[in-house]
Structures are given as structure tokens and as C-alpha cells.
PDB file of N, CA and C in Angstrom:
ATOM      1  N   UNK A   1      11.607  66.031  73.185  1.00  0.00           N
ATOM      2  CA  UNK A   1      13.017  65.920  73.420  1.00  0.00           C
ATOM      3  C   UNK A   1      13.637  67.305  73.260  1.00  0.00           C
ATOM      4  N   UNK A   2      14.473  67.662  74.202  1.00  0.00           N
ATOM      5  CA  UNK A   2      15.145  68.954  74.158  1.00  0.00           C
ATOM      6  C   UNK A   2      16.610  68.727  73.804  1.00  0.00           C
ATOM      7  N   UNK A   3      17.098  69.468  72.857  1.00  0.00           N
ATOM      8  CA  UNK A   3      18.490  69.348  72.432  1.00  0.00           C
ATOM      9  C   UNK A   3      19.260  70.528  72.993  1.00  0.00           C
ATOM     10  N   UNK A   4      20.380  70.216  73.617  1.00  0.00           N
ATOM     11  CA  UNK A   4      21.232  71.280  74.147  1.00  0.00           C
ATOM     12  C   UNK A   4      22.611  71.169  73.520  1.00  0.00           C
ATOM     13  N   UNK A   5      23.250  72.280  73.355  1.00  0.00           N
ATOM     14  CA  UNK A   5      24.596  72.318  72.803  1.00  0.00           C
ATOM     15  C   UNK A   5      25.562  72.677  73.922  1.00  0.00           C
ATOM     16  N   UNK A   6      26.701  72.045  73.892  1.00  0.00           N
ATOM     17  CA  UNK A   6      27.675  72.256  74.947  1.00  0.00           C
ATOM     18  C   UNK A   6      29.048  72.489  74.335  1.00  0.00           C
ATOM     19  N   UNK A   7      29.832  73.315  74.961  1.00  0.00           N
ATOM     20  CA  UNK A   7      31.200  73.537  74.497  1.00  0.00           C
ATOM     21  C   UNK A   7      32.162  72.530  75.131  1.00  0.00           C
ATOM     22  N   UNK A   8      31.673  71.745  76.088  1.00  0.00           N
ATOM     23  CA  UNK A   8      32.513  70.727  76.711  1.00  0.00           C
ATOM     24  C   UNK A   8      32.823  69.636  75.700  1.00  0.00           C
ATOM     25  N   UNK A   9      34.048  69.130  75.744  1.00  0.00           N
ATOM     26  CA  UNK A   9      34.420  68.077  74.801  1.00  0.00           C
ATOM     27  C   UNK A   9      34.043  66.697  75.310  1.00  0.00           C
ATOM     28  N   UNK A  10      33.807  66.572  76.597  1.00  0.00           N
ATOM     29  CA  UNK A  10      33.421  65.283  77.166  1.00  0.00           C
ATOM     30  C   UNK A  10      32.145  65.481  77.965  1.00  0.00           C
ATOM     31  N   UNK A  11      31.125  64.731  77.611  1.00  0.00           N
ATOM     32  CA  UNK A  11      29.887  64.740  78.380  1.00  0.00           C
ATOM     33  C   UNK A  11      29.373  63.312  78.456  1.00  0.00           C
ATOM     34  N   UNK A  12      28.240  63.108  79.045  1.00  0.00           N
ATOM     35  CA  UNK A  12      27.783  61.741  79.293  1.00  0.00           C
ATOM     36  C   UNK A  12      27.514  60.949  78.023  1.00  0.00           C
ATOM     37  N   UNK A  13      27.332  61.591  76.890  1.00  0.00           N
ATOM     38  CA  UNK A  13      27.088  60.852  75.660  1.00  0.00           C
ATOM     39  C   UNK A  13      28.247  60.986  74.679  1.00  0.00           C
ATOM     40  N   UNK A  14      28.713  62.188  74.456  1.00  0.00           N
ATOM     41  CA  UNK A  14      29.769  62.408  73.475  1.00  0.00           C
ATOM     42  C   UNK A  14      31.121  61.870  73.887  1.00  0.00           C
ATOM     43  N   UNK A  15      31.342  61.655  75.162  1.00  0.00           N
ATOM     44  CA  UNK A  15      32.638  61.196  75.627  1.00  0.00           C
ATOM     45  C   UNK A  15      32.737  59.704  75.855  1.00  0.00           C
ATOM     46  N   UNK A  16      31.727  58.953  75.452  1.00  0.00           N
ATOM     47  CA  UNK A  16      31.719  57.518  75.751  1.00  0.00           C
ATOM     48  C   UNK A  16      32.850  56.783  75.036  1.00  0.00           C
ATOM     49  N   UNK A  17      33.134  57.146  73.804  1.00  0.00           N
ATOM     50  CA  UNK A  17      34.233  56.503  73.079  1.00  0.00           C
ATOM     51  C   UNK A  17      35.575  56.877  73.689  1.00  0.00           C
ATOM     52  N   UNK A  18      35.674  58.106  74.171  1.00  0.00           N
ATOM     53  CA  UNK A  18      36.887  58.561  74.846  1.00  0.00           C
ATOM     54  C   UNK A  18      37.126  57.742  76.115  1.00  0.00           C
ATOM     55  N   UNK A  19      36.083  57.549  76.903  1.00  0.00           N
ATOM     56  CA  UNK A  19      36.201  56.768  78.138  1.00  0.00           C
ATOM     57  C   UNK A  19      36.568  55.322  77.828  1.00  0.00           C
ATOM     58  N   UNK A  20      35.948  54.748  76.809  1.00  0.00           N
ATOM     59  CA  UNK A  20      36.243  53.364  76.429  1.00  0.00           C
ATOM     60  C   UNK A  20      37.694  53.226  75.976  1.00  0.00           C
ATOM     61  N   UNK A  21      38.185  54.196  75.247  1.00  0.00           N
ATOM     62  CA  UNK A  21      39.571  54.163  74.771  1.00  0.00           C
ATOM     63  C   UNK A  21      40.554  54.200  75.941  1.00  0.00           C
ATOM     64  N   UNK A  22      40.294  55.050  76.921  1.00  0.00           N
ATOM     65  CA  UNK A  22      41.176  55.140  78.088  1.00  0.00           C
ATOM     66  C   UNK A  22      41.210  53.812  78.842  1.00  0.00           C
ATOM     67  N   UNK A  23      40.050  53.215  79.033  1.00  0.00           N
ATOM     68  CA  UNK A  23      39.975  51.944  79.759  1.00  0.00           C
ATOM     69  C   UNK A  23      40.667  50.838  78.972  1.00  0.00           C
ATOM     70  N   UNK A  24      40.456  50.810  77.659  1.00  0.00           N
ATOM     71  CA  UNK A  24      41.078  49.789  76.816  1.00  0.00           C
ATOM     72  C   UNK A  24      42.596  49.945  76.822  1.00  0.00           C
ATOM     73  N   UNK A  25      43.086  51.182  76.701  1.00  0.00           N
ATOM     74  CA  UNK A  25      44.530  51.425  76.685  1.00  0.00           C
ATOM     75  C   UNK A  25      45.181  51.139  78.032  1.00  0.00           C
ATOM     76  N   UNK A  26      44.415  51.184  79.103  1.00  0.00           N
ATOM     77  CA  UNK A  26      44.938  50.859  80.433  1.00  0.00           C
ATOM     78  C   UNK A  26      44.942  49.351  80.672  1.00  0.00           C
ATOM     79  N   UNK A  27      44.558  48.577  79.673  1.00  0.00           N
ATOM     80  CA  UNK A  27      44.532  47.107  79.713  1.00  0.00           C
ATOM     81  C   UNK A  27      43.587  46.560  80.775  1.00  0.00           C
ATOM     82  N   UNK A  28      42.556  47.310  81.121  1.00  0.00           N
ATOM     83  CA  UNK A  28      41.581  46.843  82.109  1.00  0.00           C
ATOM     84  C   UNK A  28      40.840  45.624  81.585  1.00  0.00           C
ATOM     85  N   UNK A  29      40.444  45.664  80.313  1.00  0.00           N
ATOM     86  CA  UNK A  29      39.697  44.546  79.738  1.00  0.00           C
ATOM     87  C   UNK A  29      40.555  43.276  79.696  1.00  0.00           C
ATOM     88  N   UNK A  30      41.834  43.423  79.352  1.00  0.00           N
ATOM     89  CA  UNK A  30      42.735  42.269  79.346  1.00  0.00           C
ATOM     90  C   UNK A  30      42.902  41.701  80.749  1.00  0.00           C
ATOM     91  N   UNK A  31      43.013  42.573  81.733  1.00  0.00           N
ATOM     92  CA  UNK A  31      43.155  42.133  83.121  1.00  0.00           C
ATOM     93  C   UNK A  31      41.921  41.369  83.584  1.00  0.00           C
ATOM     94  N   UNK A  32      40.747  41.834  83.207  1.00  0.00           N
ATOM     95  CA  UNK A  32      39.505  41.142  83.571  1.00  0.00           C
ATOM     96  C   UNK A  32      39.495  39.741  82.981  1.00  0.00           C
ATOM     97  N   UNK A  33      39.839  39.620  81.693  1.00  0.00           N
ATOM     98  CA  UNK A  33      39.847  38.305  81.046  1.00  0.00           C
ATOM     99  C   UNK A  33      40.904  37.382  81.647  1.00  0.00           C
ATOM    100  N   UNK A  34      42.063  37.918  81.983  1.00  0.00           N
ATOM    101  CA  UNK A  34      43.117  37.100  82.579  1.00  0.00           C
ATOM    102  C   UNK A  34      42.737  36.644  83.981  1.00  0.00           C
ATOM    103  N   UNK A  35      42.095  37.513  84.743  1.00  0.00           N
ATOM    104  CA  UNK A  35      41.727  37.189  86.119  1.00  0.00           C
ATOM    105  C   UNK A  35      40.566  36.208  86.186  1.00  0.00           C
ATOM    106  N   UNK A  36      39.539  36.447  85.390  1.00  0.00           N
ATOM    107  CA  UNK A  36      38.337  35.612  85.448  1.00  0.00           C
ATOM    108  C   UNK A  36      38.399  34.409  84.523  1.00  0.00           C
ATOM    109  N   UNK A  37      39.313  34.415  83.583  1.00  0.00           N
ATOM    110  CA  UNK A  37      39.464  33.279  82.680  1.00  0.00           C
ATOM    111  C   UNK A  37      38.460  33.294  81.537  1.00  0.00           C
ATOM    112  N   UNK A  38      38.407  32.170  80.855  1.00  0.00           N
ATOM    113  CA  UNK A  38      37.530  32.028  79.693  1.00  0.00           C
ATOM    114  C   UNK A  38      36.185  31.492  80.147  1.00  0.00           C
ATOM    115  N   UNK A  39      35.124  32.033  79.572  1.00  0.00           N
ATOM    116  CA  UNK A  39      33.777  31.553  79.891  1.00  0.00           C
ATOM    117  C   UNK A  39      33.548  30.208  79.217  1.00  0.00           C
ATOM    118  N   UNK A  40      32.409  29.620  79.475  1.00  0.00           N
ATOM    119  CA  UNK A  40      32.081  28.307  78.934  1.00  0.00           C
ATOM    120  C   UNK A  40      32.136  28.249  77.415  1.00  0.00           C
ATOM    121  N   UNK A  41      32.127  27.034  76.888  1.00  0.00           N
ATOM    122  CA  UNK A  41      32.262  26.808  75.452  1.00  0.00           C
ATOM    123  C   UNK A  41      31.164  27.505  74.658  1.00  0.00           C
ATOM    124  N   UNK A  42      29.950  27.501  75.158  1.00  0.00           N
ATOM    125  CA  UNK A  42      28.825  28.082  74.428  1.00  0.00           C
ATOM    126  C   UNK A  42      28.669  29.586  74.654  1.00  0.00           C
ATOM    127  N   UNK A  43      29.470  30.142  75.513  1.00  0.00           N
ATOM    128  CA  UNK A  43      29.379  31.585  75.777  1.00  0.00           C
ATOM    129  C   UNK A  43      29.891  32.360  74.571  1.00  0.00           C
ATOM    130  N   UNK A  44      29.114  33.311  74.131  1.00  0.00           N
ATOM    131  CA  UNK A  44      29.500  34.100  72.960  1.00  0.00           C
ATOM    132  C   UNK A  44      30.278  35.352  73.340  1.00  0.00           C
ATOM    133  N   UNK A  45      30.227  35.738  74.598  1.00  0.00           N
ATOM    134  CA  UNK A  45      30.884  36.961  75.038  1.00  0.00           C
ATOM    135  C   UNK A  45      31.850  36.659  76.171  1.00  0.00           C
ATOM    136  N   UNK A  46      32.958  37.388  76.201  1.00  0.00           N
ATOM    137  CA  UNK A  46      33.928  37.223  77.282  1.00  0.00           C
ATOM    138  C   UNK A  46      33.475  38.032  78.497  1.00  0.00           C
ATOM    139  N   UNK A  47      34.152  37.802  79.625  1.00  0.00           N
ATOM    140  CA  UNK A  47      33.829  38.569  80.827  1.00  0.00           C
ATOM    141  C   UNK A  47      34.071  40.061  80.601  1.00  0.00           C
ATOM    142  N   UNK A  48      35.115  40.384  79.862  1.00  0.00           N
ATOM    143  CA  UNK A  48      35.386  41.802  79.611  1.00  0.00           C
ATOM    144  C   UNK A  48      34.301  42.426  78.735  1.00  0.00           C
ATOM    145  N   UNK A  49      33.714  41.652  77.821  1.00  0.00           N
ATOM    146  CA  UNK A  49      32.601  42.163  77.012  1.00  0.00           C
ATOM    147  C   UNK A  49      31.407  42.497  77.899  1.00  0.00           C
ATOM    148  N   UNK A  50      31.130  41.639  78.860  1.00  0.00           N
ATOM    149  CA  UNK A  50      30.013  41.871  79.777  1.00  0.00           C
ATOM    150  C   UNK A  50      30.269  43.101  80.645  1.00  0.00           C
ATOM    151  N   UNK A  51      31.485  43.200  81.162  1.00  0.00           N
ATOM    152  CA  UNK A  51      31.862  44.351  81.981  1.00  0.00           C
ATOM    153  C   UNK A  51      31.783  45.640  81.168  1.00  0.00           C
ATOM    154  N   UNK A  52      32.310  45.590  79.951  1.00  0.00           N
ATOM    155  CA  UNK A  52      32.304  46.777  79.085  1.00  0.00           C
ATOM    156  C   UNK A  52      30.880  47.225  78.778  1.00  0.00           C
ATOM    157  N   UNK A  53      30.019  46.278  78.477  1.00  0.00           N
ATOM    158  CA  UNK A  53      28.627  46.599  78.172  1.00  0.00           C
ATOM    159  C   UNK A  53      27.954  47.292  79.355  1.00  0.00           C
ATOM    160  N   UNK A  54      28.149  46.742  80.548  1.00  0.00           N
ATOM    161  CA  UNK A  54      27.542  47.334  81.741  1.00  0.00           C
ATOM    162  C   UNK A  54      28.136  48.711  82.034  1.00  0.00           C
ATOM    163  N   UNK A  55      29.448  48.832  81.908  1.00  0.00           N
ATOM    164  CA  UNK A  55      30.111  50.105  82.173  1.00  0.00           C
ATOM    165  C   UNK A  55      29.625  51.193  81.218  1.00  0.00           C
ATOM    166  N   UNK A  56      29.518  50.873  79.944  1.00  0.00           N
ATOM    167  CA  UNK A  56      29.043  51.860  78.967  1.00  0.00           C
ATOM    168  C   UNK A  56      27.602  52.263  79.263  1.00  0.00           C
ATOM    169  N   UNK A  57      26.796  51.305  79.690  1.00  0.00           N
ATOM    170  CA  UNK A  57      25.413  51.599  80.062  1.00  0.00           C
ATOM    171  C   UNK A  57      25.372  52.603  81.213  1.00  0.00           C
ATOM    172  N   UNK A  58      26.167  52.353  82.239  1.00  0.00           N
ATOM    173  CA  UNK A  58      26.198  53.229  83.414  1.00  0.00           C
ATOM    174  C   UNK A  58      26.743  54.615  83.056  1.00  0.00           C
ATOM    175  N   UNK A  59      27.793  54.662  82.252  1.00  0.00           N
ATOM    176  CA  UNK A  59      28.379  55.947  81.877  1.00  0.00           C
ATOM    177  C   UNK A  59      27.432  56.798  81.036  1.00  0.00           C
ATOM    178  N   UNK A  60      26.514  56.146  80.331  1.00  0.00           N
ATOM    179  CA  UNK A  60      25.525  56.884  79.530  1.00  0.00           C
ATOM    180  C   UNK A  60      24.289  57.240  80.338  1.00  0.00           C
ATOM    181  N   UNK A  61      24.271  56.856  81.612  1.00  0.00           N
ATOM    182  CA  UNK A  61      23.134  57.191  82.465  1.00  0.00           C
ATOM    183  C   UNK A  61      22.019  56.170  82.426  1.00  0.00           C
ATOM    184  N   UNK A  62      22.298  54.991  81.897  1.00  0.00           N
ATOM    185  CA  UNK A  62      21.276  53.951  81.819  1.00  0.00           C
ATOM    186  C   UNK A  62      21.121  53.194  83.125  1.00  0.00           C
ATOM    187  N   UNK A  63      20.084  52.402  83.201  1.00  0.00           N
ATOM    188  CA  UNK A  63      19.811  51.573  84.376  1.00  0.00           C
ATOM    189  C   UNK A  63      19.498  50.160  83.919  1.00  0.00           C
ATOM    190  N   UNK A  64      19.720  49.214  84.832  1.00  0.00           N
ATOM    191  CA  UNK A  64      19.267  47.862  84.518  1.00  0.00           C
ATOM    192  C   UNK A  64      18.507  47.263  85.657  1.00  0.00           C
TER     193      UNK A  64
END
């Protein structure tokens, strides 16, 4: 593993919380839940939780 140092304040790993905060403050997650509604009774996660999980994965360079 190679470690690199960067003077940038936002990069694919260090800026993930920043990106999540911007999306949360823009009420994107609330809009997703309002548009798609509530999942089934046994569902443990909301639609916005699923979207957020996938988005964070993609922003970190992950694949599924």
C-alpha cells in the first residue's frame, strides 16, 4: 500500500463526510423518502439509507 499526502481539502476519501453533509443539508434524503414512501414493515433501512450507502460507495471509488 502506498500512502500519499495531499494539500487538497477534498479528495475521494477525506471528503466523504463533506459530500454527505452537503447532500443531507440539501434535503435530498428527505425528498427520496417522501417520494418513494416507507418500505415494508420488516425493512430495517429506508430508501434514503439504501441510496446513501450506494452513493458513498461510489464516491469512495467502490464497485458493486
